[in-house]
């Protein structure tokens, strides 16, 4: 199983003045320890749940990914996950392409339909009803894939009209940057995974196997080989999580059919300690 570090909390010792230095050191420490991927949330406020109150520190995702690209050499970098309605699809495709070129082909796009209405309303970002958000998500997937492909023709659909999908320089990743659709919705989200994505992202737990079965059904319906989709899961851990418990979580995910686990440490004032705990499980997980 491959391990990713999901950074969902920037409330670290030293506060904002130390954030840049701590983030750079954390990324280099993770890469050196064997972490294969680093992801960040696409939020502008903290979520107000177990990760902390809305007022806690939160960095804008694509600025942060560019910073991480400059401070790493090997890890895959992407959001987990971008809110489709926060950026125009043409701009989003260009942002990911730029990250891919400047990182040497290490960029991906994790994307979903968006859910954090308070954040969007608070900052004046249009937040349409659920059905429209999913339509915009699908159009965004189509636009990104068109811009990352051959040609530069127009794109016309219900919500977005692009006169010319020019994208230069083109991505270094072939055939295009890693594309993940995140979310657990059985009727829409997992269908979009089957139709467009390289990977899904789910939460581990009792429902995980069922969700993968639903994804398999969507793959059958659209003629997609289920095995070509990477199955990824996200799970939290804290300073109180024992190494044994962490190994157990990872092995359970692997047994359920996941090959990549994105772990996010909650409540670690020094994020490097979270990495040390996470990577202590690598030998047993790799041998399983």
Protein backbone atom coordinates (compact mmCIF):
# COMPACT_ATOMS: atom_id res chain seq x y z
CA UNK A 1 0.00 0.00 0.00
CA UNK A 2 1.22 3.49 -0.89
CA UNK A 3 0.99 6.21 1.75
CA UNK A 4 0.03 9.82 1.19
CA UNK A 5 0.18 12.68 3.67
CA UNK A 6 -2.95 14.82 3.67
CA UNK A 7 -2.34 18.21 5.27
CA UNK A 8 -5.67 19.42 6.64
CA UNK A 9 -4.51 21.46 9.60
CA UNK A 10 -1.99 24.32 9.63
CA UNK A 11 -2.34 25.24 13.31
CA UNK A 12 1.24 24.49 14.22
CA UNK A 13 3.74 25.73 16.78
CA UNK A 14 5.03 29.21 15.90
CA UNK A 15 1.85 30.35 14.16
CA UNK A 16 1.73 32.22 10.85
CA UNK A 17 5.31 33.59 11.01
CA UNK A 18 6.68 30.04 11.07
CA UNK A 19 4.20 28.48 8.63
CA UNK A 20 6.37 28.65 5.51
CA UNK A 21 9.41 27.19 7.19
CA UNK A 22 7.41 24.47 8.97
CA UNK A 23 5.55 23.48 5.82
CA UNK A 24 8.77 23.24 3.79
CA UNK A 25 10.47 21.17 6.48
CA UNK A 26 7.40 18.95 6.80
CA UNK A 27 7.28 18.26 3.06
CA UNK A 28 10.98 17.42 2.86
CA UNK A 29 10.70 15.23 5.96
CA UNK A 30 7.74 13.35 4.48
CA UNK A 31 9.49 12.74 1.17
CA UNK A 32 12.65 11.52 2.87
CA UNK A 33 10.62 9.17 5.07
CA UNK A 34 8.97 7.41 2.12
CA UNK A 35 5.69 9.28 1.72
CA UNK A 36 4.71 9.11 -1.97
CA UNK A 37 2.07 11.85 -2.13
CA UNK A 38 1.21 15.11 -0.40
CA UNK A 39 -2.24 16.64 -0.65
CA UNK A 40 -3.96 19.72 0.75
CA UNK A 41 -7.59 20.67 1.20
CA UNK A 42 -9.17 23.16 -1.17
CA UNK A 43 -10.70 25.25 1.59
CA UNK A 44 -10.37 28.90 2.52
CA UNK A 45 -11.63 28.48 6.09
CA UNK A 46 -11.00 25.62 8.47
CA UNK A 47 -13.96 23.26 8.54
CA UNK A 48 -15.21 23.79 12.08
CA UNK A 49 -15.16 20.11 13.02
CA UNK A 50 -12.46 17.87 14.49
CA UNK A 51 -9.79 19.75 12.54
CA UNK A 52 -10.60 22.94 14.45
CA UNK A 53 -12.76 26.07 14.39
CA UNK A 54 -13.28 28.09 11.22
CA UNK A 55 -10.92 30.79 12.45
CA UNK A 56 -7.89 28.46 12.54
CA UNK A 57 -5.14 28.86 9.96
CA UNK A 58 -5.95 27.71 6.41
CA UNK A 59 -3.81 28.23 3.31
CA UNK A 60 -5.13 28.58 -0.24
CA UNK A 61 -4.60 25.28 -2.02
CA UNK A 62 -2.90 26.08 -5.33
CA UNK A 63 -0.50 28.64 -3.89
CA UNK A 64 0.42 26.00 -1.30
CA UNK A 65 0.92 23.28 -3.93
CA UNK A 66 3.27 25.55 -5.87
CA UNK A 67 5.25 26.15 -2.68
CA UNK A 68 5.37 22.41 -2.02
CA UNK A 69 6.55 21.74 -5.57
CA UNK A 70 9.52 24.03 -4.99
CA UNK A 71 10.40 22.22 -1.76
CA UNK A 72 10.11 18.59 -2.93
CA UNK A 73 11.51 16.44 -5.71
CA UNK A 74 9.48 13.24 -6.02
CA UNK A 75 6.05 13.34 -4.36
CA UNK A 76 2.80 13.59 -6.29
CA UNK A 77 0.99 16.83 -5.43
CA UNK A 78 -2.73 17.52 -5.65
CA UNK A 79 -5.80 18.74 -3.81
CA UNK A 80 -8.04 16.47 -1.81
CA UNK A 81 -10.27 17.80 -3.21
CA UNK A 82 -10.90 20.95 -5.26
CA UNK A 83 -14.37 22.46 -5.07
CA UNK A 84 -15.48 22.48 -8.70
CA UNK A 85 -17.48 25.71 -8.38
CA UNK A 86 -14.64 27.75 -6.82
CA UNK A 87 -12.72 28.28 -10.08
CA UNK A 88 -13.56 28.60 -13.75
CA UNK A 89 -12.66 25.25 -15.38
CA UNK A 90 -10.32 26.83 -17.93
CA UNK A 91 -8.36 28.54 -15.17
CA UNK A 92 -8.33 25.37 -13.06
CA UNK A 93 -6.99 23.26 -15.94
CA UNK A 94 -4.27 25.87 -16.50
CA UNK A 95 -3.38 25.94 -12.78
CA UNK A 96 -2.88 22.17 -12.73
CA UNK A 97 -0.90 22.24 -15.98
CA UNK A 98 1.34 24.97 -14.59
CA UNK A 99 1.95 22.96 -11.45
CA UNK A 100 2.68 19.88 -13.56
CA UNK A 101 5.25 21.65 -15.72
CA UNK A 102 7.00 23.43 -12.86
CA UNK A 103 7.09 20.29 -10.69
CA UNK A 104 8.50 18.09 -13.44
CA UNK A 105 5.31 16.13 -14.03
CA UNK A 106 4.18 15.60 -10.42
CA UNK A 107 0.79 17.31 -10.43
CA UNK A 108 -2.68 15.89 -10.12
CA UNK A 109 -6.23 17.14 -9.75
CA UNK A 110 -8.50 15.85 -7.04
CA UNK A 111 -11.96 17.34 -7.50
CA UNK A 112 -15.49 17.14 -6.14
CA UNK A 113 -18.80 18.96 -6.32
CA UNK A 114 -18.16 21.20 -3.23
CA UNK A 115 -20.07 21.12 0.04
CA UNK A 116 -18.89 23.94 2.35
CA UNK A 117 -21.67 26.46 1.77
CA UNK A 118 -20.85 28.67 4.78
CA UNK A 119 -17.33 29.20 3.48
CA UNK A 120 -18.50 30.00 -0.03
CA UNK A 121 -21.26 32.38 1.08
CA UNK A 122 -18.93 34.02 3.57
CA UNK A 123 -16.43 34.90 0.85
CA UNK A 124 -18.96 35.73 -1.85
CA UNK A 125 -18.38 32.64 -4.02
CA UNK A 126 -21.48 31.54 -5.95
CA UNK A 127 -22.75 28.25 -4.54
CA UNK A 128 -25.53 26.81 -6.71
CA UNK A 129 -27.89 23.99 -5.71
CA UNK A 130 -26.60 20.43 -5.55
CA UNK A 131 -27.82 19.31 -8.97
CA UNK A 132 -26.18 22.27 -10.68
CA UNK A 133 -22.92 21.75 -8.79
CA UNK A 134 -22.74 18.20 -10.11
CA UNK A 135 -23.48 19.33 -13.65
CA UNK A 136 -20.70 21.91 -13.34
CA UNK A 137 -18.39 19.23 -11.95
CA UNK A 138 -18.95 17.01 -14.97
CA UNK A 139 -18.44 19.91 -17.37
CA UNK A 140 -15.25 20.82 -15.52
CA UNK A 141 -13.94 17.26 -15.93
CA UNK A 142 -14.71 17.40 -19.64
CA UNK A 143 -12.99 20.79 -20.05
CA UNK A 144 -9.87 19.71 -18.16
CA UNK A 145 -9.52 16.56 -20.22
CA UNK A 146 -10.06 18.52 -23.43
CA UNK A 147 -7.48 21.14 -22.49
CA UNK A 148 -5.02 18.42 -21.48
CA UNK A 149 -5.49 16.58 -24.77
CA UNK A 150 -4.71 17.25 -28.40
CA UNK A 151 -6.14 20.24 -30.20
CA UNK A 152 -7.60 23.50 -28.97
CA UNK A 153 -11.18 23.45 -30.20
CA UNK A 154 -14.19 25.11 -28.63
CA UNK A 155 -16.22 23.68 -25.78
CA UNK A 156 -19.92 24.43 -25.44
CA UNK A 157 -22.19 23.12 -22.71
CA UNK A 158 -24.92 24.24 -20.34
CA UNK A 159 -22.81 26.30 -17.93
CA UNK A 160 -19.46 26.85 -19.65
CA UNK A 161 -18.62 28.07 -23.13
CA UNK A 162 -14.95 28.18 -24.16
CA UNK A 163 -14.13 29.57 -27.59
CA UNK A 164 -10.65 28.00 -27.71
CA UNK A 165 -9.22 25.44 -25.27
CA UNK A 166 -5.60 26.40 -25.86
CA UNK A 167 -3.21 25.10 -23.19
CA UNK A 168 0.46 25.93 -23.68
CA UNK A 169 2.78 24.67 -22.32
CA UNK A 170 1.08 21.33 -22.23
CA UNK A 171 1.43 18.96 -19.29
CA UNK A 172 4.50 16.82 -18.80
CA UNK A 173 2.37 14.02 -17.30
CA UNK A 174 1.19 11.55 -19.94
CA UNK A 175 -1.55 11.20 -20.98
CA UNK A 176 -2.58 13.93 -18.54
CA UNK A 177 -2.22 14.84 -14.86
CA UNK A 178 -3.53 12.32 -12.35
CA UNK A 179 -7.29 12.85 -12.08
CA UNK A 180 -9.22 11.90 -8.95
CA UNK A 181 -12.91 12.41 -8.25
CA UNK A 182 -13.51 12.43 -4.50
CA UNK A 183 -16.74 11.66 -2.72
CA UNK A 184 -19.05 8.85 -1.73
CA UNK A 185 -22.27 9.67 -3.61
CA UNK A 186 -23.49 6.47 -5.21
CA UNK A 187 -25.65 7.89 -7.99
CA UNK A 188 -23.53 10.77 -9.31
CA UNK A 189 -20.05 10.92 -7.81
CA UNK A 190 -19.09 7.29 -8.36
CA UNK A 191 -20.54 7.40 -11.87
CA UNK A 192 -18.24 10.33 -12.66
CA UNK A 193 -15.30 8.32 -11.33
CA UNK A 194 -16.16 5.45 -13.67
CA UNK A 195 -16.62 7.74 -16.65
CA UNK A 196 -13.71 10.18 -16.28
CA UNK A 197 -11.27 9.59 -13.43
CA UNK A 198 -8.05 7.73 -12.76
CA UNK A 199 -8.95 7.31 -9.08
CA UNK A 200 -11.70 7.49 -6.50
CA UNK A 201 -11.30 8.73 -2.94
CA UNK A 202 -13.50 7.37 -0.17
CA UNK A 203 -13.46 7.22 3.61
CA UNK A 204 -12.48 3.96 5.21
CA UNK A 205 -15.08 2.25 7.36
CA UNK A 206 -17.98 -0.19 7.22
CA UNK A 207 -19.42 1.32 4.03
CA UNK A 208 -16.18 1.25 2.04
CA UNK A 209 -16.63 -2.18 0.48
CA UNK A 210 -20.19 -1.36 -0.52
CA UNK A 211 -19.05 1.88 -2.19
CA UNK A 212 -16.46 -0.03 -4.20
CA UNK A 213 -19.16 -2.47 -5.30
CA UNK A 214 -21.26 0.48 -6.47
CA UNK A 215 -18.27 1.82 -8.39
CA UNK A 216 -17.81 -1.56 -10.04
CA UNK A 217 -21.43 -1.44 -11.17
CA UNK A 218 -20.95 2.00 -12.73
CA UNK A 219 -17.83 0.73 -14.50
CA UNK A 220 -19.84 -2.14 -15.97
CA UNK A 221 -22.53 0.30 -17.11
CA UNK A 222 -20.11 2.60 -18.97
CA UNK A 223 -17.78 -0.13 -20.25
CA UNK A 224 -14.84 0.79 -18.02
CA UNK A 225 -12.39 -1.73 -16.63
CA UNK A 226 -12.82 -1.46 -12.86
CA UNK A 227 -9.22 -2.48 -12.30
CA UNK A 228 -7.91 0.59 -14.17
CA UNK A 229 -9.27 2.87 -11.42
CA UNK A 230 -7.04 3.46 -8.40
CA UNK A 231 -8.90 3.00 -5.13
CA UNK A 232 -7.80 5.50 -2.49
CA UNK A 233 -9.05 6.16 1.01
CA UNK A 234 -8.62 8.96 3.53
CA UNK A 235 -8.42 8.44 7.28
CA UNK A 236 -7.43 10.47 10.37
CA UNK A 237 -5.06 9.69 13.20
CA UNK A 238 -4.02 11.56 16.34
CA UNK A 239 -1.08 11.65 18.77
CA UNK A 240 -2.99 9.06 20.80
CA UNK A 241 -3.12 6.59 17.91
CA UNK A 242 -0.77 3.69 18.60
CA UNK A 243 1.46 2.24 15.94
CA UNK A 244 -0.43 -1.02 16.20
CA UNK A 245 -3.77 0.68 15.67
CA UNK A 246 -2.36 2.56 12.68
CA UNK A 247 -1.07 -0.64 11.10
CA UNK A 248 -4.46 -2.22 11.72
CA UNK A 249 -6.28 0.64 9.98
CA UNK A 250 -4.03 0.43 6.96
CA UNK A 251 -4.30 -3.34 6.66
CA UNK A 252 -8.09 -3.12 6.92
CA UNK A 253 -8.10 -0.63 4.06
CA UNK A 254 -5.85 -2.85 2.00
CA UNK A 255 -8.08 -5.86 2.67
CA UNK A 256 -11.11 -3.83 1.52
CA UNK A 257 -9.43 -3.19 -1.84
CA UNK A 258 -7.65 0.14 -1.40
CA UNK A 259 -4.08 0.53 -2.64
CA UNK A 260 -3.44 4.12 -1.51
CA UNK A 261 -4.14 5.65 1.90
CA UNK A 262 -4.10 9.40 2.49
CA UNK A 263 -3.60 9.94 6.22
CA UNK A 264 -4.08 13.22 8.03
CA UNK A 265 -2.80 13.86 11.50
CA UNK A 266 -5.07 15.78 13.84
CA UNK A 267 -3.74 17.62 16.87
CA UNK A 268 0.00 17.45 16.12
CA UNK A 269 1.64 20.83 16.99
CA UNK A 270 4.69 19.59 15.06
CA UNK A 271 3.51 17.86 11.86
CA UNK A 272 6.81 16.00 11.53
CA UNK A 273 5.81 13.88 14.51
CA UNK A 274 2.71 12.82 12.60
CA UNK A 275 4.92 11.74 9.71
CA UNK A 276 7.16 9.73 12.02
CA UNK A 277 4.17 7.87 13.42
CA UNK A 278 2.67 7.30 9.98
CA UNK A 279 5.84 6.01 8.35
CA UNK A 280 6.57 3.70 11.28
CA UNK A 281 3.79 1.56 9.79
CA UNK A 282 5.36 1.39 6.33
CA UNK A 283 7.38 -1.83 6.74
CA UNK A 284 4.43 -3.96 7.86
CA UNK A 285 2.05 -2.46 5.32
CA UNK A 286 4.52 -2.91 2.47
CA UNK A 287 5.06 -6.56 3.38
CA UNK A 288 1.35 -7.38 3.64
